[in-house]
Amino acid sequence: MKNRLIIMFVAGLVLAQPWMSAGTLPVRESPAGDTLVAVDAAVPQCRLSLEQCRNMALENNAYVRNAALDVNAARAQKQEALAEYFPKVSVNAFAFYAFDPMLEIGLKDIIGESDFSNTLQNYLNSFASTYGFDPVYSTLKHGITANVSVMQPIFAGGRIVNGNRLAALGLEAAGLQKNVIERNTSEDVERAYWQIISLEEKMKTLDQMTSLVDTLYRDVNAAWSAGLATMNDLLQVRLKKNELRTGKIQLRNGIRVSKMNLCNSIGVRYNPYRSVRNDSIPYIDDIILTDRLEVEGSPDMYYQPEEEVAARQDESRLLEISVRSKQLEKKMAMGEALPKVGIGASYGYSEMVTDGRMNGAVYAMVQIPLSDWGKTARKMQRYDYQLQKAMNEKEYLDAQLVLQVRKLWIDLESAWEQLLVAEESVSVAKVDVADLTAYYKAGMSPLSELLQAQTRLQEAENDYIDQSINYVTALRSYLDRTEK
C-alpha cells in the first residue's frame, strides 16, 4: 500500500501542470464542489480568445466609442475652420409699414422760417388746393428690399490661417487620445482575461491537491481501521479536505465575478443564474476562455533605449501639440489687433424711397482697430504665460515618460526574476512533499508535517501562476509601447 500511495502521489504531481492542454474537455463542478461533471452540449456556450476580447472591447467600450466621437467632432471642426477661406454668401430681405410717413419735407424745411417763406407757403397752399397736390412731400410709409450679398475676406490678421492650423492640431490630438484610450482599454481587458486564467489554473491546482488528499484520506482511514494510525491523523486529513473545499468555493465565486467584469467590459451578455434558463444567453460558467498562458523567454531580447521609446509615444506628441496650440492661440490673439481687409458685392431689389427697381454694388472694407491695442497687449502677455506653462509641463512630462518606460522595463525584469524564483520554489516543494510522503509511510515523520508540505506546495504553485501572469502582463505592457 505504501508503494501504491507513493506512485499515485507522484502521478498526481506529474498531472498537476499549471496549464490545460488543448484537447481537454470543458468540465463544470457540481454544486457541492466535489464532483466534476461534463458540460451539457445543449447549453449555449461562448468561447472567447484574448484577441476576440480585445476587439470586442474596442468596439463596445464606452470610452473608446466616445474617443471616436471626439475624432469626428475634431474633423468637423477642421472643416468648419476651412469654410472661413470661402466667401460668405447671404440673402437679406426687409419690409416695413408705418402708420405715418417717417419722412415729411415741406417748403419751410428747405428754405427755413422767414416772411418770404411764409408768403411762398401761402401761395403753395392755394395752388395745392386748386390743382390737387400735397404741399408737403412725404415718404417712407412702407417699403421692401431684398438682395444677395457676397463677402470675401482678403486678410483677417492671420486668424483664418492659424485657426485652420489649430483645428488640424485638434484633429491630430483627438486621434492620439483615441490611440491612448484604445491601448489602455486593451491592457485592462488583457489583465482581466489573465486574472480569470490565473484563477482557473489555481482551481486546477486545488483539484490536484484534493485528489492527493482524498487518496491520503483513504490510506489513513485504512491504516486507522487496521490500528496502524490514530484518530488524530484521520481528523487532520479531514480538516485538510474541508479546507480545500472551502478554497474551491471561494475560488469558483471569484472566477464568476471576474468573468462578469470581463463580459461587462467587452459587451458580452451572460446569464448569472443557473436556475434561470435562457437558450440564447450562456450561463456564466459556460463562458470559456480559450487562450492559455505561454511564458516566453528572458526579456533581454526586447530591451530598447528609454529615450527612443518615450519619444515615439502618443503622449509625447500630445505634449508637442499642446505647446504648438498655445503658440497658434497667441498668433490669433495678435491678429485681433491687425487690420482686416475684405471685398464684397450685392445685388437685389429695392422699393423704399423710389419706385421698385433692381440694383447692385461692389465694395471694399478695411477695418483698423485703434483702441484695442492695450487690451490685446495684455492678452498677449496672458498667452505668453500660458505658453511658458505648456513648455514647462512638456519638459517635466517628457522626463516622466522616460521614467515610465524605464519603470516598465524594471518591472519586467523584476517579474522575470520572481518567476524564476517561483519556479524553483515549486521544484523544491515537490521534492519536499515526495520525501515527507516516503518518511510518513516509513513511520519516520508525522502526518502533520506531510500536510504542511502539501500546503506549501499548493502555495508555491499558486505563486508560480501569479508570477507567470505578472510576467506576461508586464511584457505586454512594455511591448505595447516599444512596438511602434
Protein backbone atom coordinates (compact mmCIF):
# COMPACT_ATOMS: atom_id res chain seq x y z
CA MET A 1 0.00 0.00 0.00
CA LYS A 2 2.87 2.36 0.75
CA ASN A 3 4.33 1.88 -2.71
CA ARG A 4 0.91 2.35 -4.31
CA LEU A 5 0.35 5.59 -2.41
CA ILE A 6 3.74 6.97 -3.42
CA ILE A 7 3.16 6.06 -7.07
CA MET A 8 -0.28 7.72 -7.04
CA PHE A 9 1.15 10.81 -5.35
CA VAL A 10 3.96 11.17 -7.91
CA ALA A 11 1.50 10.64 -10.73
CA GLY A 12 -0.67 13.36 -9.27
CA LEU A 13 2.29 15.74 -9.22
CA VAL A 14 3.06 14.98 -12.85
CA LEU A 15 -0.52 15.68 -13.83
CA ALA A 16 -0.65 18.89 -11.79
CA GLN A 17 0.61 21.04 -14.65
CA PRO A 18 -0.35 24.70 -14.48
CA TRP A 19 -1.85 24.90 -18.00
CA MET A 20 -4.71 22.89 -19.54
CA SER A 21 -3.91 21.03 -22.75
CA ALA A 22 -5.71 21.96 -25.93
CA GLY A 23 -7.57 18.65 -26.03
CA THR A 24 -9.01 18.81 -22.53
CA LEU A 25 -12.80 18.77 -22.44
CA PRO A 26 -14.52 21.58 -20.53
CA VAL A 27 -15.89 20.49 -17.15
CA ARG A 28 -18.18 22.07 -14.59
CA GLU A 29 -18.14 21.50 -10.85
CA SER A 30 -21.17 20.18 -9.04
CA PRO A 31 -22.85 22.47 -6.52
CA ALA A 32 -21.10 20.60 -3.72
CA GLY A 33 -17.75 21.43 -5.26
CA ASP A 34 -16.53 17.80 -5.15
CA THR A 35 -17.54 16.15 -8.39
CA LEU A 36 -16.68 17.15 -11.94
CA VAL A 37 -19.44 16.66 -14.49
CA ALA A 38 -19.31 17.08 -18.26
CA VAL A 39 -20.76 20.26 -19.75
CA ASP A 40 -24.16 19.72 -21.33
CA ALA A 41 -23.81 20.12 -25.08
CA ALA A 42 -27.31 21.62 -25.28
CA VAL A 43 -26.34 24.53 -23.06
CA PRO A 44 -25.26 27.58 -25.12
CA GLN A 45 -21.53 28.21 -24.76
CA CYS A 46 -19.38 31.20 -25.53
CA ARG A 47 -15.71 30.62 -26.32
CA LEU A 48 -13.55 33.74 -26.17
CA SER A 49 -9.94 34.23 -27.12
CA LEU A 50 -7.85 37.12 -25.87
CA GLU A 51 -7.80 38.71 -29.33
CA GLN A 52 -11.59 38.48 -29.57
CA CYS A 53 -11.94 40.15 -26.17
CA ARG A 54 -9.63 42.96 -27.27
CA ASN A 55 -11.56 43.55 -30.48
CA MET A 56 -14.94 43.50 -28.76
CA ALA A 57 -13.69 45.92 -26.11
CA LEU A 58 -12.56 48.34 -28.82
CA GLU A 59 -16.00 48.06 -30.42
CA ASN A 60 -18.19 48.19 -27.34
CA ASN A 61 -16.26 50.08 -24.67
CA ALA A 62 -17.98 53.42 -23.93
CA TYR A 63 -14.71 55.33 -23.56
CA VAL A 64 -13.42 54.05 -26.91
CA ARG A 65 -16.68 54.97 -28.63
CA ASN A 66 -16.57 58.42 -27.07
CA ALA A 67 -12.98 58.84 -28.25
CA ALA A 68 -14.11 58.02 -31.80
CA LEU A 69 -16.85 60.66 -31.45
CA ASP A 70 -14.22 63.16 -30.33
CA VAL A 71 -12.26 62.42 -33.50
CA ASN A 72 -15.36 63.00 -35.62
CA ALA A 73 -16.06 66.24 -33.76
CA ALA A 74 -12.47 67.42 -34.34
CA ARG A 75 -12.77 66.54 -38.03
CA ALA A 76 -15.99 68.57 -38.26
CA GLN A 77 -14.29 71.47 -36.51
CA LYS A 78 -11.45 71.35 -39.04
CA GLN A 79 -13.96 71.51 -41.89
CA GLU A 80 -15.67 74.37 -40.07
CA ALA A 81 -12.39 76.28 -39.93
CA LEU A 82 -11.73 75.54 -43.62
CA ALA A 83 -15.01 77.26 -44.52
CA GLU A 84 -13.53 80.58 -43.34
CA TYR A 85 -11.43 80.68 -46.54
CA PHE A 86 -14.54 80.85 -48.75
CA PRO A 87 -16.84 83.81 -49.42
CA LYS A 88 -19.76 84.39 -47.13
CA VAL A 89 -22.99 84.49 -49.13
CA SER A 90 -26.18 85.77 -47.54
CA VAL A 91 -29.72 86.61 -48.66
CA ASN A 92 -31.30 89.59 -46.90
CA ALA A 93 -34.93 90.79 -47.03
CA PHE A 94 -36.62 93.66 -45.22
CA ALA A 95 -40.15 95.08 -45.33
CA PHE A 96 -41.99 97.65 -43.22
CA TYR A 97 -45.23 99.57 -42.95
CA ALA A 98 -45.56 102.74 -40.81
CA PHE A 99 -48.77 104.32 -39.52
CA ASP A 100 -47.40 107.73 -40.51
CA PRO A 101 -44.71 108.56 -43.06
CA MET A 102 -41.28 108.53 -41.45
CA LEU A 103 -40.09 111.44 -43.64
CA GLU A 104 -42.08 114.63 -44.41
CA ILE A 105 -40.42 117.62 -46.14
CA GLY A 106 -42.15 121.00 -46.68
CA LEU A 107 -41.08 124.33 -48.15
CA LYS A 108 -40.05 125.76 -44.79
CA ASP A 109 -37.89 122.68 -44.12
CA ILE A 110 -35.86 123.67 -47.20
CA ILE A 111 -35.52 127.48 -47.01
CA GLY A 112 -36.17 127.97 -43.31
CA GLU A 113 -38.57 130.19 -41.35
CA SER A 114 -38.94 133.79 -42.73
CA ASP A 115 -41.51 136.26 -44.10
CA PHE A 116 -40.56 135.19 -47.59
CA SER A 117 -41.04 131.52 -46.80
CA ASN A 118 -44.40 132.23 -45.20
CA THR A 119 -45.57 134.12 -48.31
CA LEU A 120 -44.39 131.29 -50.59
CA GLN A 121 -46.05 128.72 -48.35
CA ASN A 122 -49.38 130.57 -48.61
CA TYR A 123 -49.14 130.67 -52.42
CA LEU A 124 -48.19 126.98 -52.46
CA ASN A 125 -51.13 126.03 -50.27
CA SER A 126 -53.57 127.89 -52.52
CA PHE A 127 -52.18 126.25 -55.64
CA ALA A 128 -52.25 122.84 -53.95
CA SER A 129 -55.96 123.15 -53.15
CA THR A 130 -56.67 124.37 -56.66
CA TYR A 131 -54.65 121.76 -58.58
CA GLY A 132 -54.95 118.88 -56.11
CA PHE A 133 -51.43 118.15 -54.91
CA ASP A 134 -49.90 117.88 -51.45
CA PRO A 135 -47.75 120.85 -50.43
CA VAL A 136 -45.66 118.57 -48.17
CA TYR A 137 -43.55 115.74 -49.59
CA SER A 138 -43.89 112.53 -47.50
CA THR A 139 -42.24 109.17 -47.97
CA LEU A 140 -41.13 106.00 -46.12
CA LYS A 141 -44.60 104.96 -45.10
CA HIS A 142 -43.93 101.45 -46.43
CA GLY A 143 -41.12 99.73 -48.28
CA ILE A 144 -39.43 96.49 -49.19
CA THR A 145 -35.92 95.47 -50.10
CA ALA A 146 -34.24 92.13 -50.87
CA ASN A 147 -30.68 91.38 -52.01
CA VAL A 148 -27.96 88.79 -52.24
CA SER A 149 -24.53 89.76 -50.88
CA VAL A 150 -21.13 88.09 -51.15
CA MET A 151 -18.25 88.94 -48.81
CA GLN A 152 -14.75 87.56 -49.41
CA PRO A 153 -12.16 88.08 -46.63
CA ILE A 154 -8.74 89.03 -48.01
CA PHE A 155 -6.79 89.43 -44.80
CA ALA A 156 -8.01 88.85 -41.23
CA GLY A 157 -4.82 89.28 -39.24
CA GLY A 158 -3.78 85.67 -39.82
CA ARG A 159 -6.67 84.33 -37.76
CA ILE A 160 -8.12 82.26 -40.60
CA VAL A 161 -4.80 80.56 -41.40
CA ASN A 162 -3.90 79.99 -37.77
CA GLY A 163 -7.42 78.85 -36.97
CA ASN A 164 -7.14 76.16 -39.62
CA ARG A 165 -3.76 75.09 -38.27
CA LEU A 166 -5.20 74.93 -34.77
CA ALA A 167 -8.12 72.83 -35.99
CA ALA A 168 -5.69 70.44 -37.73
CA LEU A 169 -3.77 70.06 -34.48
CA GLY A 170 -7.05 69.39 -32.67
CA LEU A 171 -7.86 66.58 -35.10
CA GLU A 172 -4.41 65.05 -34.64
CA ALA A 173 -4.69 65.35 -30.85
CA ALA A 174 -8.10 63.64 -30.86
CA GLY A 175 -6.65 60.76 -32.89
CA LEU A 176 -3.74 60.40 -30.47
CA GLN A 177 -6.07 60.47 -27.49
CA LYS A 178 -8.12 57.73 -29.13
CA ASN A 179 -4.96 55.64 -29.56
CA VAL A 180 -4.06 56.07 -25.89
CA ILE A 181 -7.56 55.09 -24.75
CA GLU A 182 -7.56 52.05 -27.04
CA ARG A 183 -4.17 50.98 -25.71
CA ASN A 184 -5.25 51.39 -22.09
CA THR A 185 -8.52 49.58 -22.76
CA SER A 186 -6.70 46.70 -24.43
CA GLU A 187 -4.30 46.42 -21.48
CA ASP A 188 -7.17 46.46 -18.98
CA VAL A 189 -9.00 43.73 -20.88
CA GLU A 190 -5.83 41.63 -21.07
CA ARG A 191 -5.27 41.96 -17.33
CA ALA A 192 -8.88 40.94 -16.65
CA TYR A 193 -8.53 38.00 -19.05
CA TRP A 194 -5.35 36.68 -17.44
CA GLN A 195 -6.81 37.17 -13.98
CA ILE A 196 -9.54 34.70 -14.88
CA ILE A 197 -6.99 32.29 -16.36
CA SER A 198 -4.96 32.61 -13.15
CA LEU A 199 -7.98 31.73 -11.02
CA GLU A 200 -8.85 28.79 -13.28
CA GLU A 201 -5.32 27.44 -13.05
CA LYS A 202 -5.44 27.78 -9.27
CA MET A 203 -8.66 25.80 -9.38
CA LYS A 204 -6.80 23.03 -11.21
CA THR A 205 -4.14 23.09 -8.53
CA LEU A 206 -6.86 22.73 -5.90
CA ASP A 207 -8.34 19.82 -7.86
CA GLN A 208 -4.97 18.07 -7.89
CA MET A 209 -4.44 18.72 -4.18
CA THR A 210 -7.96 17.44 -3.47
CA SER A 211 -7.19 14.25 -5.39
CA LEU A 212 -3.97 13.75 -3.42
CA VAL A 213 -5.67 14.40 -0.08
CA ASP A 214 -8.54 12.05 -0.99
CA THR A 215 -6.01 9.31 -1.70
CA LEU A 216 -4.22 10.07 1.55
CA TYR A 217 -7.53 10.01 3.42
CA ARG A 218 -8.37 6.56 2.07
CA ASP A 219 -4.95 5.22 3.09
CA VAL A 220 -5.07 6.80 6.56
CA ASN A 221 -8.60 5.53 7.06
CA ALA A 222 -7.49 2.02 6.11
CA ALA A 223 -4.50 2.32 8.44
CA TRP A 224 -6.75 3.56 11.27
CA SER A 225 -9.12 0.63 10.72
CA ALA A 226 -6.13 -1.68 10.98
CA GLY A 227 -4.93 0.06 14.14
CA LEU A 228 -1.83 1.50 12.41
CA ALA A 229 -2.91 5.19 12.60
CA THR A 230 -4.56 7.37 15.22
CA MET A 231 -7.89 9.14 15.08
CA ASN A 232 -5.98 12.43 15.23
CA ASP A 233 -4.29 11.56 11.90
CA LEU A 234 -7.66 10.88 10.34
CA LEU A 235 -9.12 14.14 11.66
CA GLN A 236 -6.17 16.14 10.32
CA VAL A 237 -6.77 14.78 6.83
CA ARG A 238 -10.50 15.50 7.07
CA LEU A 239 -9.76 19.08 8.15
CA LYS A 240 -7.44 19.44 5.17
CA LYS A 241 -10.22 18.19 2.87
CA ASN A 242 -12.66 20.74 4.26
CA GLU A 243 -10.06 23.49 3.86
CA LEU A 244 -9.65 22.60 0.19
CA ARG A 245 -13.43 22.51 -0.34
CA THR A 246 -13.77 25.96 1.19
CA GLY A 247 -10.97 27.26 -1.03
CA LYS A 248 -12.68 25.87 -4.13
CA ILE A 249 -15.99 27.55 -3.25
CA GLN A 250 -14.29 30.90 -2.79
CA LEU A 251 -12.23 30.46 -5.94
CA ARG A 252 -15.25 29.47 -8.01
CA ASN A 253 -17.11 32.59 -6.93
CA GLY A 254 -14.04 34.69 -7.73
CA ILE A 255 -13.94 33.21 -11.25
CA ARG A 256 -17.60 34.05 -11.82
CA VAL A 257 -17.26 37.63 -10.63
CA SER A 258 -14.13 38.11 -12.74
CA LYS A 259 -15.91 36.74 -15.81
CA MET A 260 -18.81 39.11 -15.22
CA ASN A 261 -16.41 42.02 -15.04
CA LEU A 262 -14.73 40.95 -18.29
CA CYS A 263 -18.08 40.47 -20.06
CA ASN A 264 -19.23 43.92 -18.99
CA SER A 265 -16.01 45.39 -20.38
CA ILE A 266 -16.35 43.77 -23.80
CA GLY A 267 -20.14 43.90 -24.17
CA VAL A 268 -20.95 40.17 -23.92
CA ARG A 269 -24.30 39.23 -22.41
CA TYR A 270 -24.43 36.42 -19.88
CA ASN A 271 -26.82 34.64 -17.55
CA PRO A 272 -25.58 34.84 -13.94
CA TYR A 273 -28.08 32.31 -12.55
CA ARG A 274 -28.07 28.60 -13.26
CA SER A 275 -31.72 28.28 -12.20
CA VAL A 276 -32.91 30.80 -14.84
CA ARG A 277 -32.69 29.12 -18.24
CA ASN A 278 -32.01 31.24 -21.32
CA ASP A 279 -31.31 29.42 -24.58
CA SER A 280 -29.76 32.46 -26.26
CA ILE A 281 -27.53 33.75 -23.44
CA PRO A 282 -24.85 31.48 -21.95
CA TYR A 283 -24.62 30.81 -18.24
CA ILE A 284 -21.56 32.49 -16.73
CA ASP A 285 -19.82 29.14 -16.13
CA ASP A 286 -20.30 28.26 -19.83
CA ILE A 287 -18.24 31.23 -20.99
CA ILE A 288 -14.91 29.58 -21.76
CA LEU A 289 -11.64 31.42 -22.25
CA THR A 290 -9.64 29.55 -24.85
CA ASP A 291 -6.18 31.12 -24.55
CA ARG A 292 -3.67 29.62 -22.16
CA LEU A 293 -0.64 31.28 -20.74
CA GLU A 294 2.64 30.79 -22.58
CA VAL A 295 5.62 32.12 -20.68
CA GLU A 296 8.21 33.41 -23.12
CA GLY A 297 11.94 33.60 -22.52
CA SER A 298 14.12 36.20 -20.88
CA PRO A 299 13.11 39.85 -21.51
CA ASP A 300 16.64 40.85 -22.53
CA MET A 301 15.81 40.44 -26.22
CA TYR A 302 13.08 43.11 -26.00
CA TYR A 303 15.07 45.97 -24.49
CA GLN A 304 15.11 49.35 -26.25
CA PRO A 305 16.61 52.66 -25.04
CA GLU A 306 14.12 54.54 -22.87
CA GLU A 307 14.59 57.92 -24.58
CA GLU A 308 13.84 56.47 -28.01
CA VAL A 309 10.76 54.64 -26.75
CA ALA A 310 9.45 57.71 -24.90
CA ALA A 311 9.93 59.91 -27.98
CA ARG A 312 7.68 57.56 -30.01
CA GLN A 313 4.81 57.62 -27.54
CA ASP A 314 1.50 59.24 -28.41
CA GLU A 315 1.70 61.13 -25.13
CA SER A 316 4.94 62.78 -26.27
CA ARG A 317 3.31 64.04 -29.46
CA LEU A 318 0.34 65.29 -27.43
CA LEU A 319 2.72 67.41 -25.36
CA GLU A 320 4.19 68.88 -28.54
CA ILE A 321 0.69 69.66 -29.79
CA SER A 322 -0.12 71.39 -26.51
CA VAL A 323 2.84 73.77 -26.92
CA ARG A 324 2.11 74.36 -30.62
CA SER A 325 -1.55 75.11 -29.84
CA LYS A 326 -0.58 77.81 -27.37
CA GLN A 327 1.69 79.37 -29.99
CA LEU A 328 -1.15 79.48 -32.51
CA GLU A 329 -3.57 80.88 -29.94
CA LYS A 330 -1.09 83.67 -29.29
CA LYS A 331 -0.89 84.45 -33.02
CA MET A 332 -4.67 84.51 -33.27
CA ALA A 333 -4.84 86.96 -30.35
CA MET A 334 -2.33 89.17 -32.14
CA GLY A 335 -4.47 89.02 -35.29
CA GLU A 336 -7.31 90.74 -33.44
CA ALA A 337 -5.24 93.96 -33.39
CA LEU A 338 -4.24 93.79 -37.08
CA PRO A 339 -6.19 95.34 -39.99
CA LYS A 340 -8.93 93.34 -41.66
CA VAL A 341 -9.49 93.62 -45.40
CA GLY A 342 -12.35 92.24 -47.46
CA ILE A 343 -14.23 92.79 -50.69
CA GLY A 344 -17.87 92.20 -51.44
CA ALA A 345 -20.75 92.62 -53.83
CA SER A 346 -24.51 92.76 -53.53
CA TYR A 347 -27.44 92.77 -55.95
CA GLY A 348 -31.14 92.96 -55.28
CA TYR A 349 -34.50 94.68 -55.45
CA SER A 350 -35.42 97.86 -53.52
CA GLU A 351 -38.68 99.72 -53.13
CA MET A 352 -38.09 102.23 -50.39
CA VAL A 353 -37.87 105.95 -51.36
CA THR A 354 -38.32 105.50 -55.10
CA ASP A 355 -40.25 103.04 -57.20
CA GLY A 356 -39.08 99.45 -57.09
CA ARG A 357 -36.04 98.59 -59.17
CA MET A 358 -33.06 96.20 -59.32
CA ASN A 359 -29.61 97.49 -58.42
CA GLY A 360 -26.19 96.20 -57.46
CA ALA A 361 -22.97 97.38 -55.86
CA VAL A 362 -19.39 96.33 -55.23
CA TYR A 363 -17.45 97.48 -52.23
CA ALA A 364 -14.24 97.05 -50.24
CA MET A 365 -13.90 97.06 -46.48
CA VAL A 366 -10.85 97.94 -44.40
CA GLN A 367 -11.09 97.79 -40.61
CA ILE A 368 -8.20 99.03 -38.50
CA PRO A 369 -8.67 98.61 -34.74
CA LEU A 370 -7.16 101.53 -32.84
CA SER A 371 -8.48 101.34 -29.30
CA ASP A 372 -7.83 97.62 -28.64
CA TRP A 373 -4.05 97.71 -28.58
CA GLY A 374 -3.89 97.91 -24.78
CA LYS A 375 -6.34 95.03 -24.37
CA THR A 376 -4.51 92.96 -26.98
CA ALA A 377 -1.15 93.62 -25.32
CA ARG A 378 -2.48 92.25 -22.02
CA LYS A 379 -3.95 89.27 -23.82
CA MET A 380 -0.58 88.60 -25.47
CA GLN A 381 1.05 88.61 -22.05
CA ARG A 382 -1.51 86.11 -20.82
CA TYR A 383 -0.79 83.78 -23.73
CA ASP A 384 2.95 84.17 -23.14
CA TYR A 385 2.46 82.89 -19.60
CA GLN A 386 0.29 80.02 -20.80
CA LEU A 387 2.86 79.14 -23.47
CA GLN A 388 5.65 79.08 -20.91
CA LYS A 389 3.48 76.93 -18.66
CA ALA A 390 2.87 74.45 -21.51
CA MET A 391 6.61 74.30 -22.24
CA ASN A 392 7.40 73.67 -18.58
CA GLU A 393 4.80 70.89 -18.45
CA LYS A 394 6.21 69.34 -21.62
CA GLU A 395 9.73 69.35 -20.20
CA TYR A 396 8.55 67.72 -16.97
CA LEU A 397 6.22 65.19 -18.57
CA ASP A 398 8.83 64.21 -21.17
CA ALA A 399 11.06 63.21 -18.26
CA GLN A 400 8.11 61.39 -16.70
CA LEU A 401 7.55 59.46 -19.92
CA VAL A 402 11.17 58.31 -19.87
CA LEU A 403 10.71 57.34 -16.22
CA GLN A 404 7.52 55.45 -17.07
CA VAL A 405 9.21 53.44 -19.81
CA ARG A 406 12.17 52.78 -17.51
CA LYS A 407 9.80 51.59 -14.79
CA LEU A 408 8.07 49.26 -17.25
CA TRP A 409 11.43 47.69 -18.02
CA ILE A 410 12.41 47.40 -14.35
CA ASP A 411 9.03 45.83 -13.56
CA LEU A 412 9.52 43.40 -16.45
CA GLU A 413 12.96 42.33 -15.21
CA SER A 414 11.65 42.01 -11.66
CA ALA A 415 8.69 39.90 -12.83
CA TRP A 416 11.08 37.59 -14.71
CA GLU A 417 13.33 37.14 -11.69
CA GLN A 418 10.37 36.47 -9.41
CA LEU A 419 9.07 33.93 -11.94
CA LEU A 420 12.39 32.06 -11.80
CA VAL A 421 12.28 32.07 -8.01
CA ALA A 422 8.69 30.81 -8.01
CA GLU A 423 9.61 28.05 -10.45
CA GLU A 424 12.45 26.94 -8.20
CA SER A 425 10.13 27.04 -5.17
CA VAL A 426 7.71 24.68 -6.91
CA SER A 427 10.53 22.22 -7.62
CA VAL A 428 11.71 22.37 -4.01
CA ALA A 429 8.16 21.96 -2.67
CA LYS A 430 7.58 18.90 -4.87
CA VAL A 431 10.74 17.25 -3.62
CA ASP A 432 9.78 18.10 -0.04
CA VAL A 433 6.35 16.53 -0.43
CA ALA A 434 7.79 13.40 -2.06
CA ASP A 435 10.36 12.97 0.74
CA LEU A 436 7.87 13.55 3.55
CA THR A 437 5.44 11.12 1.93
CA ALA A 438 8.10 8.45 1.98
CA TYR A 439 9.08 9.32 5.56
CA TYR A 440 5.45 9.20 6.70
CA LYS A 441 4.91 5.81 5.11
CA ALA A 442 8.03 4.60 6.82
CA GLY A 443 6.80 5.93 10.15
CA MET A 444 9.65 8.46 10.38
CA SER A 445 7.56 11.66 10.05
CA PRO A 446 4.19 12.76 11.49
CA LEU A 447 1.22 13.30 9.24
CA SER A 448 1.04 16.99 10.17
CA GLU A 449 4.38 17.66 8.50
CA LEU A 450 3.20 15.96 5.31
CA LEU A 451 0.02 18.07 5.27
CA GLN A 452 2.06 21.24 5.85
CA ALA A 453 4.34 20.27 2.98
CA GLN A 454 1.32 19.79 0.70
CA THR A 455 0.07 23.23 1.75
CA ARG A 456 3.45 24.74 0.90
CA LEU A 457 3.36 23.00 -2.48
CA GLN A 458 -0.09 24.46 -3.16
CA GLU A 459 1.09 27.94 -2.18
CA ALA A 460 4.22 27.57 -4.34
CA GLU A 461 2.19 26.52 -7.38
CA ASN A 462 -0.28 29.39 -6.85
CA ASP A 463 2.62 31.80 -6.54
CA TYR A 464 4.11 30.40 -9.76
CA ILE A 465 0.80 31.04 -11.52
CA ASP A 466 0.66 34.60 -10.18
CA GLN A 467 4.24 35.34 -11.19
CA SER A 468 3.63 33.90 -14.66
CA ILE A 469 0.62 36.20 -15.10
CA ASN A 470 2.63 39.16 -13.78
CA TYR A 471 5.44 38.48 -16.24
CA VAL A 472 3.16 38.11 -19.27
CA THR A 473 1.21 41.28 -18.46
CA ALA A 474 4.42 43.21 -17.75
CA LEU A 475 5.86 42.04 -21.07
CA ARG A 476 2.69 43.03 -22.92
CA SER A 477 2.69 46.48 -21.31
CA TYR A 478 6.31 47.01 -22.35
CA LEU A 479 5.77 45.75 -25.90
CA ASP A 480 2.70 47.96 -26.33
CA ARG A 481 5.00 50.96 -26.01
CA THR A 482 8.02 49.68 -27.92
CA GLU A 483 6.25 48.12 -30.93
CA LYS A 484 5.60 51.38 -32.80
